[in-house]
């Protein structure tokens, strides 16, 4: 039973992550976001396609996906403890559920295994694991965007910083060490998704935020 619950938590996380919030938000506004800009379904490209309302709806929805996946895994693992699971299992399943929800966002089964870069969903999962880390990474990412005027640099900064942030959090006993796995793997997912952006940054061709965006 505990193993079944653990697998269920991870599968549900992937399914929740696969819900294409950006596409749904765009359609609500009357835009197909996958035909605009990078074609990704994350908040940045939705902003290009559908403006501030699309950005707000997508960001909120994607953050909630990350929170919901971790909270669901936590609830299932709390029950698993009552039917014989070892205490080592819940933290690892929460971390794997976090990885699963970001994987679902980036490679959605509803979009032909395409999606976004996973930044907002990652922030939601981080906040569910440790609220302070989630907030701190959001602030770091926002600062990077304001300084560089480039949305992708904000996401890259978060992706590179979150693993270290989770190590520090675990070292002071604020989160289980299993959560470090989430920080590292989900950061790698974001970097992988943003490789085209990284190439454009290095060549000086990445699009910056401006008044007409």
N, C-alpha and C. Protein backbone atom coordinates (compact mmCIF):
# COMPACT_ATOMS: atom_id res chain seq x y z
N UNK A 1 0.80 -1.22 0.00
CA UNK A 1 0.00 0.00 0.00
C UNK A 1 0.85 1.29 0.00
N UNK A 2 1.89 1.41 0.86
CA UNK A 2 2.69 2.64 0.83
C UNK A 2 3.32 2.90 -0.54
N UNK A 3 3.81 1.84 -1.19
CA UNK A 3 4.43 2.03 -2.50
C UNK A 3 3.40 2.47 -3.53
N UNK A 4 2.20 1.91 -3.46
CA UNK A 4 1.13 2.31 -4.38
C UNK A 4 0.80 3.79 -4.18
N UNK A 5 0.72 4.22 -2.93
CA UNK A 5 0.43 5.62 -2.63
C UNK A 5 1.55 6.52 -3.12
N UNK A 6 2.79 6.05 -3.00
CA UNK A 6 3.94 6.84 -3.47
C UNK A 6 3.88 7.01 -4.98
N UNK A 7 3.62 5.93 -5.69
CA UNK A 7 3.51 6.01 -7.15
C UNK A 7 2.35 6.90 -7.55
N UNK A 8 1.23 6.79 -6.85
CA UNK A 8 0.06 7.62 -7.12
C UNK A 8 0.40 9.10 -6.96
N UNK A 9 1.15 9.42 -5.91
CA UNK A 9 1.52 10.82 -5.67
C UNK A 9 2.33 11.39 -6.82
N UNK A 10 3.27 10.60 -7.35
CA UNK A 10 4.13 11.07 -8.43
C UNK A 10 3.34 11.18 -9.74
N UNK A 11 2.49 10.20 -10.02
CA UNK A 11 1.68 10.23 -11.24
C UNK A 11 0.72 11.41 -11.21
N UNK A 12 0.07 11.63 -10.08
CA UNK A 12 -0.85 12.77 -9.95
C UNK A 12 -0.11 14.09 -10.14
N UNK A 13 1.12 14.16 -9.61
CA UNK A 13 1.91 15.38 -9.77
C UNK A 13 2.18 15.66 -11.24
N UNK A 14 2.56 14.63 -11.98
CA UNK A 14 2.80 14.81 -13.41
C UNK A 14 1.53 15.26 -14.13
N UNK A 15 0.40 14.66 -13.79
CA UNK A 15 -0.86 15.01 -14.44
C UNK A 15 -1.25 16.46 -14.12
N UNK A 16 -1.08 16.86 -12.87
CA UNK A 16 -1.36 18.24 -12.50
C UNK A 16 -0.44 19.19 -13.26
N UNK A 17 0.84 18.84 -13.33
CA UNK A 17 1.79 19.67 -14.05
C UNK A 17 1.46 19.78 -15.53
N UNK A 18 0.85 18.74 -16.08
CA UNK A 18 0.54 18.72 -17.51
C UNK A 18 -0.62 19.63 -17.89
N UNK A 19 -1.40 20.07 -16.91
CA UNK A 19 -2.52 20.96 -17.22
C UNK A 19 -1.96 22.24 -17.83
N UNK A 20 -2.30 22.56 -19.07
CA UNK A 20 -1.67 23.69 -19.78
C UNK A 20 -2.33 25.03 -19.42
N UNK A 21 -2.01 25.53 -18.25
CA UNK A 21 -2.62 26.76 -17.76
C UNK A 21 -2.44 27.91 -18.76
N UNK A 22 -1.25 28.04 -19.32
CA UNK A 22 -0.99 29.12 -20.26
C UNK A 22 -1.87 29.05 -21.49
N UNK A 23 -2.05 27.85 -22.01
CA UNK A 23 -2.92 27.67 -23.18
C UNK A 23 -4.36 28.01 -22.82
N UNK A 24 -4.81 27.54 -21.66
CA UNK A 24 -6.18 27.80 -21.23
C UNK A 24 -6.40 29.29 -20.98
N UNK A 25 -5.41 29.94 -20.36
CA UNK A 25 -5.53 31.38 -20.12
C UNK A 25 -5.59 32.15 -21.43
N UNK A 26 -4.75 31.75 -22.38
CA UNK A 26 -4.75 32.40 -23.68
C UNK A 26 -6.08 32.23 -24.40
N UNK A 27 -6.62 31.04 -24.36
CA UNK A 27 -7.91 30.80 -25.03
C UNK A 27 -9.03 31.57 -24.35
N UNK A 28 -8.95 31.71 -23.03
CA UNK A 28 -9.95 32.50 -22.32
C UNK A 28 -9.95 33.94 -22.81
N UNK A 29 -8.75 34.44 -23.14
CA UNK A 29 -8.62 35.81 -23.62
C UNK A 29 -8.83 35.89 -25.13
N UNK A 30 -8.73 34.75 -25.81
CA UNK A 30 -8.97 34.72 -27.25
C UNK A 30 -7.70 34.63 -28.08
N UNK A 31 -6.63 34.04 -27.50
CA UNK A 31 -5.34 33.95 -28.20
C UNK A 31 -4.81 32.53 -28.09
N UNK A 32 -4.19 32.02 -29.15
CA UNK A 32 -3.49 30.74 -29.10
C UNK A 32 -2.01 31.03 -28.86
N UNK A 33 -1.57 30.84 -27.62
CA UNK A 33 -0.22 31.28 -27.22
C UNK A 33 0.87 30.49 -27.93
N UNK A 34 0.57 29.29 -28.39
CA UNK A 34 1.60 28.47 -29.02
C UNK A 34 1.97 28.94 -30.42
N UNK A 35 1.24 29.92 -30.93
CA UNK A 35 1.56 30.48 -32.24
C UNK A 35 2.32 31.79 -32.14
N UNK A 36 2.67 32.18 -30.92
CA UNK A 36 3.32 33.47 -30.68
C UNK A 36 4.70 33.24 -30.08
N UNK A 37 5.66 34.07 -30.47
CA UNK A 37 6.99 34.06 -29.84
C UNK A 37 7.66 32.71 -29.87
N UNK A 38 8.06 32.24 -28.68
CA UNK A 38 8.77 30.96 -28.57
C UNK A 38 7.84 29.77 -28.72
N UNK A 39 6.53 30.00 -28.60
CA UNK A 39 5.58 28.90 -28.66
C UNK A 39 5.43 28.16 -27.35
N UNK A 40 6.19 28.55 -26.33
CA UNK A 40 6.08 27.90 -25.03
C UNK A 40 4.82 28.38 -24.31
N UNK A 41 4.44 27.63 -23.29
CA UNK A 41 3.18 27.90 -22.60
C UNK A 41 3.37 28.55 -21.24
N UNK A 42 4.59 28.97 -20.93
CA UNK A 42 4.86 29.61 -19.67
C UNK A 42 4.43 31.07 -19.65
N UNK A 43 4.57 31.69 -18.48
CA UNK A 43 4.05 33.04 -18.26
C UNK A 43 4.66 34.08 -19.20
N UNK A 44 5.95 33.96 -19.50
CA UNK A 44 6.60 34.98 -20.34
C UNK A 44 5.99 35.01 -21.73
N UNK A 45 5.85 33.84 -22.34
CA UNK A 45 5.30 33.83 -23.69
C UNK A 45 3.81 34.15 -23.69
N UNK A 46 3.09 33.77 -22.63
CA UNK A 46 1.69 34.15 -22.53
C UNK A 46 1.56 35.66 -22.43
N UNK A 47 2.52 36.30 -21.75
CA UNK A 47 2.51 37.76 -21.67
C UNK A 47 2.64 38.37 -23.06
N UNK A 48 3.52 37.80 -23.87
CA UNK A 48 3.68 38.28 -25.24
C UNK A 48 2.35 38.17 -26.01
N UNK A 49 1.67 37.04 -25.79
CA UNK A 49 0.48 36.75 -26.58
C UNK A 49 -0.79 37.40 -26.02
N UNK A 50 -0.90 37.46 -24.70
CA UNK A 50 -2.19 37.82 -24.09
C UNK A 50 -2.10 38.97 -23.09
N UNK A 51 -0.90 39.57 -22.91
CA UNK A 51 -0.78 40.73 -22.07
C UNK A 51 -0.77 40.43 -20.58
N UNK A 52 -0.93 41.48 -19.75
CA UNK A 52 -0.82 41.33 -18.29
C UNK A 52 -1.83 40.36 -17.69
N UNK A 53 -3.07 40.34 -18.21
CA UNK A 53 -4.07 39.42 -17.67
C UNK A 53 -3.63 37.97 -17.89
N UNK A 54 -3.15 37.68 -19.09
CA UNK A 54 -2.65 36.33 -19.36
C UNK A 54 -1.47 35.98 -18.47
N UNK A 55 -0.58 36.95 -18.28
CA UNK A 55 0.58 36.75 -17.41
C UNK A 55 0.13 36.41 -16.00
N UNK A 56 -0.82 37.19 -15.46
CA UNK A 56 -1.27 36.98 -14.10
C UNK A 56 -1.95 35.63 -13.91
N UNK A 57 -2.85 35.28 -14.83
CA UNK A 57 -3.56 34.02 -14.73
C UNK A 57 -2.61 32.83 -14.84
N UNK A 58 -1.67 32.93 -15.77
CA UNK A 58 -0.73 31.82 -15.99
C UNK A 58 0.22 31.67 -14.81
N UNK A 59 0.77 32.77 -14.35
CA UNK A 59 1.70 32.71 -13.21
C UNK A 59 1.02 32.11 -11.99
N UNK A 60 -0.18 32.60 -11.68
CA UNK A 60 -0.90 32.09 -10.51
C UNK A 60 -1.23 30.62 -10.68
N UNK A 61 -1.74 30.25 -11.84
CA UNK A 61 -2.10 28.85 -12.07
C UNK A 61 -0.91 27.92 -11.99
N UNK A 62 0.21 28.34 -12.58
CA UNK A 62 1.40 27.48 -12.58
C UNK A 62 2.01 27.35 -11.18
N UNK A 63 1.97 28.43 -10.40
CA UNK A 63 2.44 28.35 -9.02
C UNK A 63 1.57 27.39 -8.22
N UNK A 64 0.25 27.52 -8.39
CA UNK A 64 -0.67 26.64 -7.67
C UNK A 64 -0.44 25.18 -8.03
N UNK A 65 -0.10 24.89 -9.29
CA UNK A 65 0.19 23.51 -9.69
C UNK A 65 1.32 22.94 -8.84
N UNK A 66 2.39 23.71 -8.66
CA UNK A 66 3.52 23.24 -7.87
C UNK A 66 3.15 23.00 -6.42
N UNK A 67 2.39 23.94 -5.85
CA UNK A 67 1.96 23.80 -4.46
C UNK A 67 1.06 22.58 -4.30
N UNK A 68 0.09 22.45 -5.19
CA UNK A 68 -0.88 21.37 -5.09
C UNK A 68 -0.22 20.00 -5.19
N UNK A 69 0.75 19.87 -6.09
CA UNK A 69 1.42 18.57 -6.27
C UNK A 69 2.14 18.15 -5.00
N UNK A 70 2.86 19.07 -4.38
CA UNK A 70 3.61 18.74 -3.15
C UNK A 70 2.65 18.49 -1.99
N UNK A 71 1.62 19.31 -1.86
CA UNK A 71 0.66 19.11 -0.78
C UNK A 71 -0.08 17.79 -0.92
N UNK A 72 -0.42 17.41 -2.15
CA UNK A 72 -1.10 16.13 -2.37
C UNK A 72 -0.19 14.97 -1.99
N UNK A 73 1.08 15.06 -2.40
CA UNK A 73 2.04 14.01 -2.04
C UNK A 73 2.20 13.94 -0.52
N UNK A 74 2.23 15.09 0.13
CA UNK A 74 2.37 15.12 1.60
C UNK A 74 1.17 14.46 2.28
N UNK A 75 -0.03 14.75 1.77
CA UNK A 75 -1.23 14.15 2.35
C UNK A 75 -1.24 12.64 2.16
N UNK A 76 -0.89 12.19 0.96
CA UNK A 76 -0.87 10.75 0.70
C UNK A 76 0.19 10.05 1.54
N UNK A 77 1.33 10.69 1.71
CA UNK A 77 2.39 10.09 2.51
C UNK A 77 2.07 10.12 4.00
N UNK A 78 1.31 11.10 4.44
CA UNK A 78 0.86 11.11 5.84
C UNK A 78 -0.03 9.90 6.10
N UNK A 79 -0.89 9.59 5.12
CA UNK A 79 -1.71 8.40 5.26
C UNK A 79 -0.85 7.14 5.17
N UNK A 80 0.15 7.16 4.30
CA UNK A 80 1.01 5.99 4.14
C UNK A 80 1.71 5.64 5.44
N UNK A 81 2.05 6.65 6.23
CA UNK A 81 2.71 6.40 7.52
C UNK A 81 1.80 5.61 8.46
N UNK A 82 0.49 5.77 8.28
CA UNK A 82 -0.45 5.06 9.16
C UNK A 82 -0.64 3.61 8.74
N UNK A 83 -0.19 3.26 7.54
CA UNK A 83 -0.36 1.88 7.06
C UNK A 83 0.98 1.19 6.84
N UNK A 84 2.02 1.73 7.47
CA UNK A 84 3.27 0.99 7.50
C UNK A 84 4.44 1.54 6.73
N UNK A 85 4.36 2.73 6.16
CA UNK A 85 5.51 3.30 5.45
C UNK A 85 6.59 3.72 6.44
N UNK A 86 7.84 3.60 6.02
CA UNK A 86 8.94 4.08 6.85
C UNK A 86 9.01 5.60 6.81
N UNK A 87 9.52 6.23 7.85
CA UNK A 87 9.58 7.70 7.90
C UNK A 87 10.49 8.32 6.85
N UNK A 88 11.37 7.52 6.25
CA UNK A 88 12.27 8.03 5.21
C UNK A 88 11.54 8.30 3.90
N UNK A 89 10.39 7.63 3.70
CA UNK A 89 9.72 7.68 2.41
C UNK A 89 9.07 9.03 2.09
N UNK A 90 8.30 9.64 3.00
CA UNK A 90 7.58 10.88 2.64
C UNK A 90 8.43 11.99 2.06
N UNK A 91 9.59 12.34 2.64
CA UNK A 91 10.37 13.45 2.04
C UNK A 91 10.80 13.16 0.60
N UNK A 92 11.17 11.92 0.32
CA UNK A 92 11.62 11.59 -1.02
C UNK A 92 10.46 11.63 -2.02
N UNK A 93 9.28 11.23 -1.57
CA UNK A 93 8.13 11.27 -2.47
C UNK A 93 7.69 12.71 -2.72
N UNK A 94 7.79 13.56 -1.72
CA UNK A 94 7.50 14.98 -1.95
C UNK A 94 8.46 15.57 -2.98
N UNK A 95 9.74 15.22 -2.86
CA UNK A 95 10.73 15.72 -3.82
C UNK A 95 10.44 15.19 -5.22
N UNK A 96 10.11 13.91 -5.32
CA UNK A 96 9.81 13.32 -6.63
C UNK A 96 8.51 13.88 -7.20
N UNK A 97 7.55 14.18 -6.35
CA UNK A 97 6.31 14.81 -6.82
C UNK A 97 6.60 16.20 -7.37
N UNK A 98 7.51 16.92 -6.69
CA UNK A 98 7.91 18.23 -7.20
C UNK A 98 8.55 18.12 -8.57
N UNK A 99 9.43 17.14 -8.72
CA UNK A 99 10.06 16.90 -10.02
C UNK A 99 9.00 16.52 -11.04
N UNK A 100 8.04 15.70 -10.62
CA UNK A 100 6.99 15.26 -11.53
C UNK A 100 6.13 16.39 -12.03
N UNK A 101 5.78 17.34 -11.15
CA UNK A 101 4.90 18.43 -11.58
C UNK A 101 5.62 19.36 -12.54
N UNK A 102 6.92 19.60 -12.31
CA UNK A 102 7.68 20.44 -13.25
C UNK A 102 7.87 19.71 -14.58
N UNK A 103 8.11 18.40 -14.52
CA UNK A 103 8.23 17.62 -15.76
C UNK A 103 6.92 17.68 -16.54
N UNK A 104 5.79 17.60 -15.83
CA UNK A 104 4.51 17.69 -16.51
C UNK A 104 4.30 19.04 -17.17
N UNK A 105 4.73 20.10 -16.50
CA UNK A 105 4.61 21.43 -17.08
C UNK A 105 5.48 21.58 -18.33
N UNK A 106 6.71 21.11 -18.25
CA UNK A 106 7.64 21.27 -19.37
C UNK A 106 7.35 20.32 -20.52
N UNK A 107 6.86 19.13 -20.20
CA UNK A 107 6.59 18.11 -21.21
C UNK A 107 5.19 17.57 -20.99
N UNK A 108 4.20 18.41 -21.26
CA UNK A 108 2.80 18.07 -20.99
C UNK A 108 2.28 16.99 -21.93
N UNK A 109 1.64 15.99 -21.36
CA UNK A 109 1.04 14.93 -22.17
C UNK A 109 -0.13 15.45 -22.99
N UNK A 110 -0.67 16.60 -22.61
CA UNK A 110 -1.79 17.19 -23.34
C UNK A 110 -1.34 18.08 -24.50
N UNK A 111 -0.04 18.32 -24.59
CA UNK A 111 0.48 19.22 -25.62
C UNK A 111 1.56 18.54 -26.46
N UNK A 112 1.48 17.23 -26.61
CA UNK A 112 2.49 16.52 -27.38
C UNK A 112 3.84 16.56 -26.73
N UNK A 113 3.86 16.56 -25.39
CA UNK A 113 5.07 16.57 -24.58
C UNK A 113 5.91 17.82 -24.83
N UNK A 114 5.21 18.94 -24.97
CA UNK A 114 5.83 20.25 -25.01
C UNK A 114 5.24 21.08 -23.88
N UNK A 115 5.81 22.26 -23.63
CA UNK A 115 5.29 23.09 -22.55
C UNK A 115 6.11 24.33 -22.32
N UNK A 116 6.40 24.64 -21.07
CA UNK A 116 7.15 25.84 -20.72
C UNK A 116 8.52 25.50 -20.17
N UNK A 117 9.05 26.43 -19.37
CA UNK A 117 10.36 26.22 -18.76
C UNK A 117 10.26 25.81 -17.29
N UNK A 118 9.07 25.93 -16.71
CA UNK A 118 8.84 25.40 -15.37
C UNK A 118 9.16 26.31 -14.21
N UNK A 119 9.48 27.58 -14.47
CA UNK A 119 9.93 28.44 -13.37
C UNK A 119 8.84 28.69 -12.34
N UNK A 120 7.65 29.10 -12.77
CA UNK A 120 6.59 29.39 -11.81
C UNK A 120 6.15 28.14 -11.07
N UNK A 121 6.07 27.01 -11.76
CA UNK A 121 5.70 25.76 -11.11
C UNK A 121 6.76 25.35 -10.10
N UNK A 122 8.02 25.56 -10.44
CA UNK A 122 9.10 25.29 -9.50
C UNK A 122 8.98 26.16 -8.26
N UNK A 123 8.68 27.44 -8.45
CA UNK A 123 8.53 28.33 -7.30
C UNK A 123 7.40 27.86 -6.39
N UNK A 124 6.30 27.38 -6.99
CA UNK A 124 5.20 26.87 -6.19
C UNK A 124 5.62 25.66 -5.37
N UNK A 125 6.34 24.73 -6.01
CA UNK A 125 6.80 23.54 -5.29
C UNK A 125 7.80 23.90 -4.20
N UNK A 126 8.71 24.82 -4.51
CA UNK A 126 9.67 25.28 -3.48
C UNK A 126 8.95 25.88 -2.29
N UNK A 127 7.93 26.71 -2.57
CA UNK A 127 7.18 27.35 -1.49
C UNK A 127 6.45 26.31 -0.64
N UNK A 128 5.96 25.23 -1.28
CA UNK A 128 5.28 24.19 -0.53
C UNK A 128 6.26 23.42 0.35
N UNK A 129 7.51 23.30 -0.09
CA UNK A 129 8.54 22.62 0.70
C UNK A 129 9.09 23.52 1.78
N UNK A 130 9.31 24.78 1.45
CA UNK A 130 9.80 25.77 2.40
C UNK A 130 9.39 27.15 1.90
N UNK A 131 8.45 27.76 2.57
CA UNK A 131 7.89 29.03 2.12
C UNK A 131 8.96 30.09 1.92
N UNK A 132 9.92 30.15 2.84
CA UNK A 132 10.95 31.18 2.78
C UNK A 132 11.85 31.01 1.56
N UNK A 133 12.18 29.76 1.23
CA UNK A 133 12.99 29.50 0.05
C UNK A 133 12.23 29.90 -1.21
N UNK A 134 10.95 29.55 -1.28
CA UNK A 134 10.15 29.91 -2.43
C UNK A 134 10.09 31.41 -2.64
N UNK A 135 9.85 32.14 -1.54
CA UNK A 135 9.79 33.61 -1.63
C UNK A 135 11.14 34.18 -2.01
N UNK A 136 12.20 33.66 -1.39
CA UNK A 136 13.55 34.16 -1.68
C UNK A 136 13.91 33.97 -3.14
N UNK A 137 13.59 32.80 -3.71
CA UNK A 137 13.91 32.56 -5.11
C UNK A 137 13.07 33.46 -6.02
N UNK A 138 11.83 33.72 -5.62
CA UNK A 138 11.02 34.65 -6.40
C UNK A 138 11.61 36.05 -6.42
N UNK A 139 12.10 36.49 -5.27
CA UNK A 139 12.72 37.82 -5.18
C UNK A 139 14.01 37.86 -5.99
N UNK A 140 14.81 36.81 -5.90
CA UNK A 140 16.07 36.75 -6.66
C UNK A 140 15.78 36.81 -8.17
N UNK A 141 14.78 36.04 -8.60
CA UNK A 141 14.44 36.03 -10.02
C UNK A 141 13.92 37.38 -10.49
N UNK A 142 13.07 38.01 -9.68
CA UNK A 142 12.54 39.32 -10.04
C UNK A 142 13.64 40.36 -10.12
N UNK A 143 14.57 40.30 -9.17
CA UNK A 143 15.69 41.24 -9.20
C UNK A 143 16.53 41.06 -10.46
N UNK A 144 16.76 39.81 -10.85
CA UNK A 144 17.53 39.54 -12.06
C UNK A 144 16.83 40.08 -13.30
N UNK A 145 15.49 39.96 -13.32
CA UNK A 145 14.72 40.48 -14.46
C UNK A 145 14.80 42.00 -14.51
N UNK A 146 14.64 42.66 -13.36
CA UNK A 146 14.66 44.12 -13.32
C UNK A 146 16.02 44.68 -13.72
N UNK A 147 17.08 43.98 -13.31
CA UNK A 147 18.44 44.45 -13.62
C UNK A 147 18.77 44.22 -15.09
N UNK A 148 18.41 43.03 -15.60
CA UNK A 148 18.80 42.66 -16.96
C UNK A 148 17.76 43.05 -18.00
N UNK A 149 16.54 43.31 -17.55
CA UNK A 149 15.42 43.56 -18.46
C UNK A 149 15.17 42.36 -19.39
N UNK A 150 15.50 41.17 -18.90
CA UNK A 150 15.37 39.96 -19.71
C UNK A 150 14.72 38.87 -18.87
N UNK A 151 13.54 38.42 -19.29
CA UNK A 151 12.79 37.45 -18.50
C UNK A 151 13.54 36.14 -18.33
N UNK A 152 14.18 35.68 -19.40
CA UNK A 152 14.86 34.38 -19.32
C UNK A 152 16.01 34.40 -18.32
N UNK A 153 16.65 35.54 -18.15
CA UNK A 153 17.74 35.62 -17.17
C UNK A 153 17.20 35.45 -15.76
N UNK A 154 15.98 35.94 -15.51
CA UNK A 154 15.36 35.70 -14.22
C UNK A 154 15.16 34.22 -13.96
N UNK A 155 14.65 33.51 -14.96
CA UNK A 155 14.42 32.06 -14.81
C UNK A 155 15.73 31.31 -14.65
N UNK A 156 16.73 31.69 -15.42
CA UNK A 156 18.04 31.02 -15.33
C UNK A 156 18.66 31.26 -13.96
N UNK A 157 18.53 32.47 -13.44
CA UNK A 157 19.08 32.79 -12.13
C UNK A 157 18.44 31.93 -11.05
N UNK A 158 17.12 31.81 -11.11
CA UNK A 158 16.43 30.95 -10.14
C UNK A 158 16.91 29.50 -10.27
N UNK A 159 16.99 29.02 -11.50
CA UNK A 159 17.39 27.64 -11.74
C UNK A 159 18.78 27.34 -11.18
N UNK A 160 19.69 28.30 -11.30
CA UNK A 160 21.05 28.10 -10.82
C UNK A 160 21.17 28.26 -9.31
N UNK A 161 20.28 29.06 -8.73
CA UNK A 161 20.38 29.36 -7.29
C UNK A 161 19.59 28.38 -6.42
N UNK A 162 18.57 27.77 -6.96
CA UNK A 162 17.65 27.02 -6.10
C UNK A 162 18.28 25.79 -5.47
N UNK A 163 19.19 25.13 -6.16
CA UNK A 163 19.85 23.97 -5.58
C UNK A 163 20.65 24.35 -4.35
N UNK A 164 21.42 25.44 -4.45
CA UNK A 164 22.20 25.91 -3.31
C UNK A 164 21.28 26.36 -2.18
N UNK A 165 20.17 27.00 -2.53
CA UNK A 165 19.23 27.45 -1.52
C UNK A 165 18.66 26.26 -0.74
N UNK A 166 18.36 25.18 -1.44
CA UNK A 166 17.83 24.01 -0.76
C UNK A 166 18.89 23.30 0.08
N UNK A 167 20.14 23.33 -0.36
CA UNK A 167 21.22 22.77 0.46
C UNK A 167 21.33 23.54 1.77
N UNK A 168 21.30 24.86 1.69
CA UNK A 168 21.38 25.68 2.90
C UNK A 168 20.18 25.41 3.81
N UNK A 169 19.00 25.34 3.21
CA UNK A 169 17.79 25.08 3.98
C UNK A 169 17.87 23.72 4.69
N UNK A 170 18.37 22.71 3.97
CA UNK A 170 18.50 21.38 4.58
C UNK A 170 19.57 21.38 5.66
N UNK A 171 20.65 22.12 5.43
CA UNK A 171 21.77 22.14 6.39
C UNK A 171 21.35 22.75 7.73
N UNK A 172 20.42 23.69 7.69
CA UNK A 172 19.96 24.31 8.95
C UNK A 172 18.73 23.60 9.50
N UNK A 173 18.33 22.50 8.87
CA UNK A 173 17.23 21.70 9.37
C UNK A 173 15.85 22.21 9.02
N UNK A 174 15.77 23.13 8.05
CA UNK A 174 14.47 23.71 7.69
C UNK A 174 13.70 22.86 6.69
N UNK A 175 14.41 22.03 5.92
CA UNK A 175 13.77 21.11 4.98
C UNK A 175 14.54 19.80 4.98
N UNK A 176 13.91 18.70 4.60
CA UNK A 176 14.63 17.42 4.49
C UNK A 176 15.68 17.48 3.37
N UNK A 177 16.72 16.69 3.52
CA UNK A 177 17.76 16.66 2.50
C UNK A 177 17.22 16.15 1.16
N UNK A 178 16.16 15.37 1.19
CA UNK A 178 15.57 14.88 -0.06
C UNK A 178 15.14 16.03 -0.97
N UNK A 179 14.77 17.17 -0.38
CA UNK A 179 14.30 18.31 -1.18
C UNK A 179 15.42 18.92 -2.02
N UNK A 180 16.67 18.64 -1.64
CA UNK A 180 17.80 19.12 -2.45
C UNK A 180 17.73 18.50 -3.84
N UNK A 181 17.30 17.24 -3.90
CA UNK A 181 17.16 16.57 -5.19
C UNK A 181 16.21 17.34 -6.09
N UNK A 182 15.09 17.79 -5.53
CA UNK A 182 14.15 18.59 -6.32
C UNK A 182 14.81 19.86 -6.82
N UNK A 183 15.52 20.57 -5.93
CA UNK A 183 16.15 21.82 -6.33
C UNK A 183 17.10 21.66 -7.49
N UNK A 184 17.88 20.59 -7.47
CA UNK A 184 18.88 20.37 -8.52
C UNK A 184 18.22 19.92 -9.82
N UNK A 185 17.32 18.94 -9.74
CA UNK A 185 16.73 18.36 -10.95
C UNK A 185 15.79 19.35 -11.64
N UNK A 186 14.94 20.03 -10.88
CA UNK A 186 14.02 20.97 -11.51
C UNK A 186 14.78 22.15 -12.10
N UNK A 187 15.88 22.54 -11.46
CA UNK A 187 16.72 23.58 -12.05
C UNK A 187 17.31 23.14 -13.37
N UNK A 188 17.72 21.88 -13.43
CA UNK A 188 18.27 21.34 -14.68
C UNK A 188 17.19 21.30 -15.77
N UNK A 189 15.95 21.00 -15.38
CA UNK A 189 14.85 21.02 -16.35
C UNK A 189 14.70 22.41 -16.98
N UNK A 190 14.76 23.43 -16.12
CA UNK A 190 14.61 24.80 -16.62
C UNK A 190 15.75 25.19 -17.55
N UNK A 191 16.97 24.86 -17.15
CA UNK A 191 18.13 25.17 -18.00
C UNK A 191 18.01 24.47 -19.34
N UNK A 192 17.56 23.22 -19.32
CA UNK A 192 17.39 22.46 -20.56
C UNK A 192 16.37 23.14 -21.47
N UNK A 193 15.24 23.56 -20.87
CA UNK A 193 14.19 24.21 -21.67
C UNK A 193 14.64 25.54 -22.24
N UNK A 194 15.55 26.21 -21.53
CA UNK A 194 15.97 27.56 -21.93
C UNK A 194 17.29 27.58 -22.72
N UNK A 195 17.75 26.44 -23.18
CA UNK A 195 18.99 26.43 -23.95
C UNK A 195 18.95 27.36 -25.16
N UNK A 196 17.85 27.41 -25.91
CA UNK A 196 17.80 28.38 -27.03
C UNK A 196 17.96 29.82 -26.55
N UNK A 197 17.36 30.13 -25.39
CA UNK A 197 17.48 31.48 -24.83
C UNK A 197 18.91 31.77 -24.41
N UNK A 198 19.56 30.76 -23.83
CA UNK A 198 20.95 30.93 -23.40
C UNK A 198 21.84 31.23 -24.59
N UNK A 199 21.61 30.53 -25.69
CA UNK A 199 22.39 30.79 -26.90
C UNK A 199 22.17 32.21 -27.40
N UNK A 200 20.93 32.69 -27.34
CA UNK A 200 20.65 34.06 -27.77
C UNK A 200 21.25 35.09 -26.82
N UNK A 201 21.25 34.77 -25.53
CA UNK A 201 21.89 35.68 -24.56
C UNK A 201 23.38 35.82 -24.86
N UNK A 202 24.02 34.70 -25.12
CA UNK A 202 25.46 34.71 -25.38
C UNK A 202 25.80 35.44 -26.68
N UNK A 203 24.86 35.42 -27.62
CA UNK A 203 25.08 36.10 -28.90
C UNK A 203 24.54 37.52 -28.91
N UNK A 204 23.95 37.94 -27.78
CA UNK A 204 23.41 39.29 -27.68
C UNK A 204 22.10 39.49 -28.41
N UNK A 205 21.38 38.41 -28.70
CA UNK A 205 20.15 38.50 -29.49
C UNK A 205 18.88 38.22 -28.68
N UNK A 206 19.00 37.98 -27.38
CA UNK A 206 17.82 37.68 -26.59
C UNK A 206 16.93 38.91 -26.45
N UNK A 207 15.64 38.69 -26.56
CA UNK A 207 14.67 39.80 -26.48
C UNK A 207 14.60 40.33 -25.04
N UNK A 208 14.59 41.63 -24.89
CA UNK A 208 14.46 42.26 -23.59
C UNK A 208 13.05 42.77 -23.39
N UNK A 209 12.70 42.98 -22.12
CA UNK A 209 11.42 43.56 -21.81
C UNK A 209 11.43 45.03 -22.22
N UNK A 210 10.30 45.48 -22.75
CA UNK A 210 10.19 46.89 -23.10
C UNK A 210 8.74 47.32 -23.04
N UNK A 211 8.50 48.55 -23.30
CA UNK A 211 7.14 49.09 -23.14
C UNK A 211 6.17 48.50 -24.14
N UNK A 212 6.66 47.91 -25.23
CA UNK A 212 5.78 47.41 -26.27
C UNK A 212 5.57 45.90 -26.17
N UNK A 213 6.15 45.27 -25.15
CA UNK A 213 6.08 43.81 -25.03
C UNK A 213 4.73 43.37 -24.57
